[in-house]
Amino acid sequence: MTKPADKPTPERRIISTTTHFAILYGVLSLELFRLLYVYNDEIRHMAEATSRGDKTLFFVPIIIALVFSLVHGAFTGYFWEALGISAKKK
């Protein structure tokens, strides 16, 4: 008779959930930078059109910056947490 496989406990996990999130947000961050590189001409043309007076594209750079900030900030937080480094609590 075979013994059923033990379910992994938090102590026995090879990669923690925090590390999974760090990897996920790291990949998302890299993909955002790749997309920024690939579409840099289009983004520059939108910025030039906005400076010429076309205000319909005004929010595009703001949205891009917000998405970068949220994804890269989440990656950084999970990265340091996965390494076991946290802010000093009072």
PDB file of N, CA and C in Angstrom:
ATOM      1  N   MET A   1       0.839  -1.176   0.000  1.00  0.00           N
ATOM      2  CA  MET A   1       0.000   0.000   0.000  1.00  0.00           C
ATOM      3  C   MET A   1       0.889   1.246   0.000  1.00  0.00           C
ATOM      4  N   THR A   2       0.576   2.188  -0.903  1.00  0.00           N
ATOM      5  CA  THR A   2       1.393   3.398  -0.999  1.00  0.00           C
ATOM      6  C   THR A   2       0.868   4.453  -0.049  1.00  0.00           C
ATOM      7  N   LYS A   3       1.778   5.236   0.424  1.00  0.00           N
ATOM      8  CA  LYS A   3       1.436   6.315   1.338  1.00  0.00           C
ATOM      9  C   LYS A   3       1.063   7.554   0.527  1.00  0.00           C
ATOM     10  N   PRO A   4      -0.045   8.247   0.875  1.00  0.00           N
ATOM     11  CA  PRO A   4      -0.407   9.454   0.122  1.00  0.00           C
ATOM     12  C   PRO A   4       0.667  10.528   0.285  1.00  0.00           C
ATOM     13  N   ALA A   5       0.841  11.297  -0.759  1.00  0.00           N
ATOM     14  CA  ALA A   5       1.852  12.364  -0.735  1.00  0.00           C
ATOM     15  C   ALA A   5       1.457  13.423   0.284  1.00  0.00           C
ATOM     16  N   ASP A   6       2.441  13.845   1.017  1.00  0.00           N
ATOM     17  CA  ASP A   6       2.191  14.905   1.993  1.00  0.00           C
ATOM     18  C   ASP A   6       1.955  16.215   1.263  1.00  0.00           C
ATOM     19  N   LYS A   7       0.992  16.976   1.767  1.00  0.00           N
ATOM     20  CA  LYS A   7       0.771  18.307   1.209  1.00  0.00           C
ATOM     21  C   LYS A   7       1.869  19.228   1.727  1.00  0.00           C
ATOM     22  N   PRO A   8       2.341  20.141   0.867  1.00  0.00           N
ATOM     23  CA  PRO A   8       3.402  21.037   1.332  1.00  0.00           C
ATOM     24  C   PRO A   8       2.875  21.997   2.401  1.00  0.00           C
ATOM     25  N   THR A   9       3.599  22.100   3.461  1.00  0.00           N
ATOM     26  CA  THR A   9       3.269  23.054   4.511  1.00  0.00           C
ATOM     27  C   THR A   9       4.028  24.341   4.227  1.00  0.00           C
ATOM     28  N   PRO A  10       3.637  25.431   4.871  1.00  0.00           N
ATOM     29  CA  PRO A  10       4.371  26.687   4.616  1.00  0.00           C
ATOM     30  C   PRO A  10       5.873  26.557   4.854  1.00  0.00           C
ATOM     31  N   GLU A  11       6.273  25.712   5.795  1.00  0.00           N
ATOM     32  CA  GLU A  11       7.696  25.552   6.072  1.00  0.00           C
ATOM     33  C   GLU A  11       8.388  24.732   4.987  1.00  0.00           C
ATOM     34  N   ARG A  12       7.635  23.879   4.268  1.00  0.00           N
ATOM     35  CA  ARG A  12       8.223  22.978   3.283  1.00  0.00           C
ATOM     36  C   ARG A  12       8.129  23.510   1.863  1.00  0.00           C
ATOM     37  N   ARG A  13       7.522  24.633   1.654  1.00  0.00           N
ATOM     38  CA  ARG A  13       7.421  25.180   0.307  1.00  0.00           C
ATOM     39  C   ARG A  13       8.797  25.569  -0.201  1.00  0.00           C
ATOM     40  N   ILE A  14       9.035  25.283  -1.464  1.00  0.00           N
ATOM     41  CA  ILE A  14      10.319  25.641  -2.061  1.00  0.00           C
ATOM     42  C   ILE A  14      10.368  27.139  -2.336  1.00  0.00           C
ATOM     43  N   ILE A  15       9.305  27.661  -2.944  1.00  0.00           N
ATOM     44  CA  ILE A  15       9.212  29.090  -3.234  1.00  0.00           C
ATOM     45  C   ILE A  15       7.960  29.615  -2.548  1.00  0.00           C
ATOM     46  N   SER A  16       8.111  30.654  -1.760  1.00  0.00           N
ATOM     47  CA  SER A  16       6.974  31.193  -1.023  1.00  0.00           C
ATOM     48  C   SER A  16       6.052  31.995  -1.947  1.00  0.00           C
ATOM     49  N   THR A  17       4.878  32.275  -1.441  1.00  0.00           N
ATOM     50  CA  THR A  17       3.910  33.078  -2.192  1.00  0.00           C
ATOM     51  C   THR A  17       4.472  34.463  -2.473  1.00  0.00           C
ATOM     52  N   THR A  18       5.199  35.008  -1.522  1.00  0.00           N
ATOM     53  CA  THR A  18       5.814  36.323  -1.723  1.00  0.00           C
ATOM     54  C   THR A  18       6.786  36.293  -2.892  1.00  0.00           C
ATOM     55  N   THR A  19       7.549  35.233  -2.987  1.00  0.00           N
ATOM     56  CA  THR A  19       8.490  35.104  -4.094  1.00  0.00           C
ATOM     57  C   THR A  19       7.748  34.972  -5.417  1.00  0.00           C
ATOM     58  N   HIS A  20       6.626  34.258  -5.418  1.00  0.00           N
ATOM     59  CA  HIS A  20       5.819  34.137  -6.643  1.00  0.00           C
ATOM     60  C   HIS A  20       5.348  35.510  -7.098  1.00  0.00           C
ATOM     61  N   PHE A  21       4.857  36.315  -6.147  1.00  0.00           N
ATOM     62  CA  PHE A  21       4.399  37.659  -6.499  1.00  0.00           C
ATOM     63  C   PHE A  21       5.560  38.528  -6.967  1.00  0.00           C
ATOM     64  N   ALA A  22       6.714  38.388  -6.344  1.00  0.00           N
ATOM     65  CA  ALA A  22       7.885  39.162  -6.773  1.00  0.00           C
ATOM     66  C   ALA A  22       8.252  38.815  -8.212  1.00  0.00           C
ATOM     67  N   ILE A  23       8.224  37.538  -8.533  1.00  0.00           N
ATOM     68  CA  ILE A  23       8.538  37.110  -9.901  1.00  0.00           C
ATOM     69  C   ILE A  23       7.476  37.616 -10.870  1.00  0.00           C
ATOM     70  N   LEU A  24       6.204  37.482 -10.503  1.00  0.00           N
ATOM     71  CA  LEU A  24       5.106  37.942 -11.363  1.00  0.00           C
ATOM     72  C   LEU A  24       5.216  39.435 -11.663  1.00  0.00           C
ATOM     73  N   TYR A  25       5.371  40.250 -10.620  1.00  0.00           N
ATOM     74  CA  TYR A  25       5.459  41.688 -10.839  1.00  0.00           C
ATOM     75  C   TYR A  25       6.772  42.079 -11.500  1.00  0.00           C
ATOM     76  N   GLY A  26       7.826  41.310 -11.291  1.00  0.00           N
ATOM     77  CA  GLY A  26       9.084  41.567 -11.994  1.00  0.00           C
ATOM     78  C   GLY A  26       8.937  41.341 -13.485  1.00  0.00           C
ATOM     79  N   VAL A  27       8.258  40.264 -13.850  1.00  0.00           N
ATOM     80  CA  VAL A  27       8.014  39.982 -15.272  1.00  0.00           C
ATOM     81  C   VAL A  27       7.106  41.054 -15.874  1.00  0.00           C
ATOM     82  N   LEU A  28       6.065  41.454 -15.136  1.00  0.00           N
ATOM     83  CA  LEU A  28       5.181  42.519 -15.628  1.00  0.00           C
ATOM     84  C   LEU A  28       5.950  43.827 -15.810  1.00  0.00           C
ATOM     85  N   SER A  29       6.833  44.133 -14.876  1.00  0.00           N
ATOM     86  CA  SER A  29       7.636  45.348 -14.974  1.00  0.00           C
ATOM     87  C   SER A  29       8.555  45.300 -16.194  1.00  0.00           C
ATOM     88  N   LEU A  30       9.191  44.162 -16.414  1.00  0.00           N
ATOM     89  CA  LEU A  30      10.039  44.018 -17.601  1.00  0.00           C
ATOM     90  C   LEU A  30       9.221  44.154 -18.884  1.00  0.00           C
ATOM     91  N   GLU A  31       8.027  43.583 -18.893  1.00  0.00           N
ATOM     92  CA  GLU A  31       7.169  43.684 -20.079  1.00  0.00           C
ATOM     93  C   GLU A  31       6.760  45.137 -20.334  1.00  0.00           C
ATOM     94  N   LEU A  32       6.475  45.888 -19.278  1.00  0.00           N
ATOM     95  CA  LEU A  32       6.129  47.304 -19.453  1.00  0.00           C
ATOM     96  C   LEU A  32       7.304  48.079 -20.055  1.00  0.00           C
ATOM     97  N   PHE A  33       8.506  47.804 -19.563  1.00  0.00           N
ATOM     98  CA  PHE A  33       9.679  48.480 -20.122  1.00  0.00           C
ATOM     99  C   PHE A  33       9.899  48.083 -21.579  1.00  0.00           C
ATOM    100  N   ARG A  34       9.638  46.803 -21.920  1.00  0.00           N
ATOM    101  CA  ARG A  34       9.776  46.358 -23.301  1.00  0.00           C
ATOM    102  C   ARG A  34       8.758  47.068 -24.193  1.00  0.00           C
ATOM    103  N   LEU A  35       7.510  47.174 -23.701  1.00  0.00           N
ATOM    104  CA  LEU A  35       6.474  47.867 -24.475  1.00  0.00           C
ATOM    105  C   LEU A  35       6.807  49.343 -24.645  1.00  0.00           C
ATOM    106  N   LEU A  36       7.373  49.948 -23.615  1.00  0.00           N
ATOM    107  CA  LEU A  36       7.782  51.347 -23.720  1.00  0.00           C
ATOM    108  C   LEU A  36       8.858  51.509 -24.790  1.00  0.00           C
ATOM    109  N   TYR A  37       9.788  50.563 -24.858  1.00  0.00           N
ATOM    110  CA  TYR A  37      10.833  50.598 -25.868  1.00  0.00           C
ATOM    111  C   TYR A  37      10.258  50.392 -27.271  1.00  0.00           C
ATOM    112  N   VAL A  38       9.364  49.412 -27.400  1.00  0.00           N
ATOM    113  CA  VAL A  38       8.795  49.087 -28.712  1.00  0.00           C
ATOM    114  C   VAL A  38       7.939  50.233 -29.242  1.00  0.00           C
ATOM    115  N   TYR A  39       7.152  50.851 -28.372  1.00  0.00           N
ATOM    116  CA  TYR A  39       6.213  51.893 -28.798  1.00  0.00           C
ATOM    117  C   TYR A  39       6.707  53.305 -28.483  1.00  0.00           C
ATOM    118  N   ASN A  40       8.013  53.505 -28.359  1.00  0.00           N
ATOM    119  CA  ASN A  40       8.520  54.825 -27.994  1.00  0.00           C
ATOM    120  C   ASN A  40       8.221  55.881 -29.053  1.00  0.00           C
ATOM    121  N   ASP A  41       8.228  55.513 -30.332  1.00  0.00           N
ATOM    122  CA  ASP A  41       7.918  56.496 -31.372  1.00  0.00           C
ATOM    123  C   ASP A  41       6.465  56.977 -31.273  1.00  0.00           C
ATOM    124  N   GLU A  42       5.547  56.040 -31.061  1.00  0.00           N
ATOM    125  CA  GLU A  42       4.133  56.415 -30.948  1.00  0.00           C
ATOM    126  C   GLU A  42       3.891  57.292 -29.720  1.00  0.00           C
ATOM    127  N   ILE A  43       4.539  56.952 -28.615  1.00  0.00           N
ATOM    128  CA  ILE A  43       4.374  57.743 -27.390  1.00  0.00           C
ATOM    129  C   ILE A  43       4.963  59.136 -27.595  1.00  0.00           C
ATOM    130  N   ARG A  44       6.110  59.210 -28.260  1.00  0.00           N
ATOM    131  CA  ARG A  44       6.717  60.515 -28.529  1.00  0.00           C
ATOM    132  C   ARG A  44       5.824  61.358 -29.434  1.00  0.00           C
ATOM    133  N   HIS A  45       5.208  60.739 -30.452  1.00  0.00           N
ATOM    134  CA  HIS A  45       4.300  61.478 -31.341  1.00  0.00           C
ATOM    135  C   HIS A  45       3.077  61.983 -30.586  1.00  0.00           C
ATOM    136  N   MET A  46       2.579  61.175 -29.645  1.00  0.00           N
ATOM    137  CA  MET A  46       1.454  61.639 -28.820  1.00  0.00           C
ATOM    138  C   MET A  46       1.859  62.836 -27.971  1.00  0.00           C
ATOM    139  N   ALA A  47       3.074  62.792 -27.414  1.00  0.00           N
ATOM    140  CA  ALA A  47       3.553  63.912 -26.604  1.00  0.00           C
ATOM    141  C   ALA A  47       3.737  65.162 -27.455  1.00  0.00           C
ATOM    142  N   GLU A  48       4.263  65.002 -28.669  1.00  0.00           N
ATOM    143  CA  GLU A  48       4.422  66.145 -29.558  1.00  0.00           C
ATOM    144  C   GLU A  48       3.079  66.721 -29.973  1.00  0.00           C
ATOM    145  N   ALA A  49       2.102  65.858 -30.230  1.00  0.00           N
ATOM    146  CA  ALA A  49       0.763  66.341 -30.593  1.00  0.00           C
ATOM    147  C   ALA A  49       0.127  67.095 -29.438  1.00  0.00           C
ATOM    148  N   THR A  50       0.366  66.621 -28.228  1.00  0.00           N
ATOM    149  CA  THR A  50      -0.176  67.307 -27.055  1.00  0.00           C
ATOM    150  C   THR A  50       0.464  68.680 -26.897  1.00  0.00           C
ATOM    151  N   SER A  51       1.768  68.776 -27.127  1.00  0.00           N
ATOM    152  CA  SER A  51       2.434  70.074 -26.987  1.00  0.00           C
ATOM    153  C   SER A  51       2.042  71.039 -28.106  1.00  0.00           C
ATOM    154  N   ARG A  52       1.576  70.499 -29.249  1.00  0.00           N
ATOM    155  CA  ARG A  52       1.109  71.357 -30.338  1.00  0.00           C
ATOM    156  C   ARG A  52      -0.322  71.837 -30.114  1.00  0.00           C
ATOM    157  N   GLY A  53      -0.995  71.318 -29.120  1.00  0.00           N
ATOM    158  CA  GLY A  53      -2.336  71.803 -28.834  1.00  0.00           C
ATOM    159  C   GLY A  53      -3.429  70.757 -28.830  1.00  0.00           C
ATOM    160  N   ASP A  54      -3.136  69.540 -29.253  1.00  0.00           N
ATOM    161  CA  ASP A  54      -4.126  68.463 -29.247  1.00  0.00           C
ATOM    162  C   ASP A  54      -4.227  67.901 -27.831  1.00  0.00           C
ATOM    163  N   LYS A  55      -5.210  68.356 -27.089  1.00  0.00           N
ATOM    164  CA  LYS A  55      -5.323  67.998 -25.674  1.00  0.00           C
ATOM    165  C   LYS A  55      -6.068  66.686 -25.433  1.00  0.00           C
ATOM    166  N   THR A  56      -6.463  65.980 -26.496  1.00  0.00           N
ATOM    167  CA  THR A  56      -7.182  64.724 -26.297  1.00  0.00           C
ATOM    168  C   THR A  56      -6.272  63.620 -25.750  1.00  0.00           C
ATOM    169  N   LEU A  57      -4.963  63.745 -25.968  1.00  0.00           N
ATOM    170  CA  LEU A  57      -4.015  62.735 -25.509  1.00  0.00           C
ATOM    171  C   LEU A  57      -3.303  63.143 -24.225  1.00  0.00           C
ATOM    172  N   PHE A  58      -3.851  64.108 -23.525  1.00  0.00           N
ATOM    173  CA  PHE A  58      -3.214  64.670 -22.340  1.00  0.00           C
ATOM    174  C   PHE A  58      -2.983  63.624 -21.252  1.00  0.00           C
ATOM    175  N   PHE A  59      -3.921  62.712 -21.065  1.00  0.00           N
ATOM    176  CA  PHE A  59      -3.837  61.767 -19.955  1.00  0.00           C
ATOM    177  C   PHE A  59      -2.990  60.525 -20.260  1.00  0.00           C
ATOM    178  N   VAL A  60      -2.598  60.317 -21.493  1.00  0.00           N
ATOM    179  CA  VAL A  60      -1.834  59.111 -21.853  1.00  0.00           C
ATOM    180  C   VAL A  60      -0.524  59.023 -21.069  1.00  0.00           C
ATOM    181  N   PRO A  61       0.324  60.052 -21.023  1.00  0.00           N
ATOM    182  CA  PRO A  61       1.560  59.923 -20.238  1.00  0.00           C
ATOM    183  C   PRO A  61       1.297  59.767 -18.741  1.00  0.00           C
ATOM    184  N   ILE A  62       0.232  60.367 -18.257  1.00  0.00           N
ATOM    185  CA  ILE A  62      -0.105  60.245 -16.834  1.00  0.00           C
ATOM    186  C   ILE A  62      -0.503  58.804 -16.516  1.00  0.00           C
ATOM    187  N   ILE A  63      -1.289  58.192 -17.381  1.00  0.00           N
ATOM    188  CA  ILE A  63      -1.712  56.806 -17.174  1.00  0.00           C
ATOM    189  C   ILE A  63      -0.516  55.862 -17.279  1.00  0.00           C
ATOM    190  N   ILE A  64       0.367  56.111 -18.236  1.00  0.00           N
ATOM    191  CA  ILE A  64       1.566  55.283 -18.381  1.00  0.00           C
ATOM    192  C   ILE A  64       2.413  55.374 -17.112  1.00  0.00           C
ATOM    193  N   ALA A  65       2.627  56.567 -16.609  1.00  0.00           N
ATOM    194  CA  ALA A  65       3.422  56.746 -15.392  1.00  0.00           C
ATOM    195  C   ALA A  65       2.752  56.078 -14.188  1.00  0.00           C
ATOM    196  N   LEU A  66       1.432  56.162 -14.086  1.00  0.00           N
ATOM    197  CA  LEU A  66       0.711  55.543 -12.979  1.00  0.00           C
ATOM    198  C   LEU A  66       0.849  54.018 -13.027  1.00  0.00           C
ATOM    199  N   VAL A  67       0.686  53.434 -14.196  1.00  0.00           N
ATOM    200  CA  VAL A  67       0.808  51.974 -14.331  1.00  0.00           C
ATOM    201  C   VAL A  67       2.230  51.527 -13.997  1.00  0.00           C
ATOM    202  N   PHE A  68       3.234  52.240 -14.506  1.00  0.00           N
ATOM    203  CA  PHE A  68       4.622  51.913 -14.186  1.00  0.00           C
ATOM    204  C   PHE A  68       4.860  52.001 -12.688  1.00  0.00           C
ATOM    205  N   SER A  69       4.363  53.045 -12.067  1.00  0.00           N
ATOM    206  CA  SER A  69       4.566  53.243 -10.645  1.00  0.00           C
ATOM    207  C   SER A  69       3.948  52.123  -9.825  1.00  0.00           C
ATOM    208  N   LEU A  70       2.723  51.741 -10.150  1.00  0.00           N
ATOM    209  CA  LEU A  70       2.042  50.695  -9.389  1.00  0.00           C
ATOM    210  C   LEU A  70       2.720  49.337  -9.560  1.00  0.00           C
ATOM    211  N   VAL A  71       3.030  48.959 -10.787  1.00  0.00           N
ATOM    212  CA  VAL A  71       3.617  47.640 -11.037  1.00  0.00           C
ATOM    213  C   VAL A  71       5.032  47.564 -10.479  1.00  0.00           C
ATOM    214  N   HIS A  72       5.855  48.566 -10.748  1.00  0.00           N
ATOM    215  CA  HIS A  72       7.235  48.524 -10.273  1.00  0.00           C
ATOM    216  C   HIS A  72       7.300  48.657  -8.748  1.00  0.00           C
ATOM    217  N   GLY A  73       6.401  49.455  -8.173  1.00  0.00           N
ATOM    218  CA  GLY A  73       6.347  49.569  -6.713  1.00  0.00           C
ATOM    219  C   GLY A  73       5.958  48.258  -6.056  1.00  0.00           C
ATOM    220  N   ALA A  74       4.980  47.554  -6.624  1.00  0.00           N
ATOM    221  CA  ALA A  74       4.583  46.246  -6.085  1.00  0.00           C
ATOM    222  C   ALA A  74       5.738  45.252  -6.203  1.00  0.00           C
ATOM    223  N   PHE A  75       6.428  45.267  -7.346  1.00  0.00           N
ATOM    224  CA  PHE A  75       7.581  44.379  -7.523  1.00  0.00           C
ATOM    225  C   PHE A  75       8.642  44.656  -6.465  1.00  0.00           C
ATOM    226  N   THR A  76       8.958  45.918  -6.249  1.00  0.00           N
ATOM    227  CA  THR A  76       9.994  46.272  -5.283  1.00  0.00           C
ATOM    228  C   THR A  76       9.609  45.832  -3.877  1.00  0.00           C
ATOM    229  N   GLY A  77       8.344  46.050  -3.494  1.00  0.00           N
ATOM    230  CA  GLY A  77       7.887  45.631  -2.171  1.00  0.00           C
ATOM    231  C   GLY A  77       7.971  44.133  -1.973  1.00  0.00           C
ATOM    232  N   TYR A  78       7.486  43.357  -2.939  1.00  0.00           N
ATOM    233  CA  TYR A  78       7.546  41.900  -2.833  1.00  0.00           C
ATOM    234  C   TYR A  78       8.982  41.381  -2.910  1.00  0.00           C
ATOM    235  N   PHE A  79       9.814  42.055  -3.697  1.00  0.00           N
ATOM    236  CA  PHE A  79      11.218  41.650  -3.810  1.00  0.00           C
ATOM    237  C   PHE A  79      11.921  41.732  -2.464  1.00  0.00           C
ATOM    238  N   TRP A  80      11.788  42.873  -1.783  1.00  0.00           N
ATOM    239  CA  TRP A  80      12.455  43.031  -0.493  1.00  0.00           C
ATOM    240  C   TRP A  80      11.848  42.107   0.561  1.00  0.00           C
ATOM    241  N   GLU A  81      10.532  41.892   0.481  1.00  0.00           N
ATOM    242  CA  GLU A  81       9.884  40.979   1.418  1.00  0.00           C
ATOM    243  C   GLU A  81      10.360  39.542   1.186  1.00  0.00           C
ATOM    244  N   ALA A  82      10.546  39.152  -0.056  1.00  0.00           N
ATOM    245  CA  ALA A  82      11.043  37.806  -0.367  1.00  0.00           C
ATOM    246  C   ALA A  82      12.461  37.613   0.156  1.00  0.00           C
ATOM    247  N   LEU A  83      13.241  38.686   0.183  1.00  0.00           N
ATOM    248  CA  LEU A  83      14.596  38.610   0.732  1.00  0.00           C
ATOM    249  C   LEU A  83      14.620  38.654   2.254  1.00  0.00           C
ATOM    250  N   GLY A  84      13.458  38.950   2.846  1.00  0.00           N
ATOM    251  CA  GLY A  84      13.381  39.001   4.306  1.00  0.00           C
ATOM    252  C   GLY A  84      13.729  40.354   4.892  1.00  0.00           C
ATOM    253  N   ILE A  85      13.750  41.364   4.067  1.00  0.00           N
ATOM    254  CA  ILE A  85      14.071  42.716   4.531  1.00  0.00           C
ATOM    255  C   ILE A  85      12.790  43.515   4.621  1.00  0.00           C
ATOM    256  N   SER A  86      12.553  44.109   5.780  1.00  0.00           N
ATOM    257  CA  SER A  86      11.350  44.913   5.955  1.00  0.00           C
ATOM    258  C   SER A  86      11.694  46.198   6.694  1.00  0.00           C
ATOM    259  N   ALA A  87      10.772  47.115   6.659  1.00  0.00           N
ATOM    260  CA  ALA A  87      10.980  48.394   7.332  1.00  0.00           C
ATOM    261  C   ALA A  87      10.953  48.187   8.840  1.00  0.00           C
ATOM    262  N   LYS A  88      11.677  49.018   9.528  1.00  0.00           N
ATOM    263  CA  LYS A  88      11.706  48.940  10.986  1.00  0.00           C
ATOM    264  C   LYS A  88      10.374  49.433  11.530  1.00  0.00           C
ATOM    265  N   LYS A  89       9.754  48.611  12.362  1.00  0.00           N
ATOM    266  CA  LYS A  89       8.460  48.982  12.938  1.00  0.00           C
ATOM    267  C   LYS A  89       8.666  49.545  14.327  1.00  0.00           C
ATOM    268  N   LYS A  90       7.931  50.590  14.618  1.00  0.00           N
ATOM    269  CA  LYS A  90       8.074  51.238  15.937  1.00  0.00           C
ATOM    270  C   LYS A  90       7.143  50.628  16.931  1.00  0.00           C
TER     271      LYS A  90
END
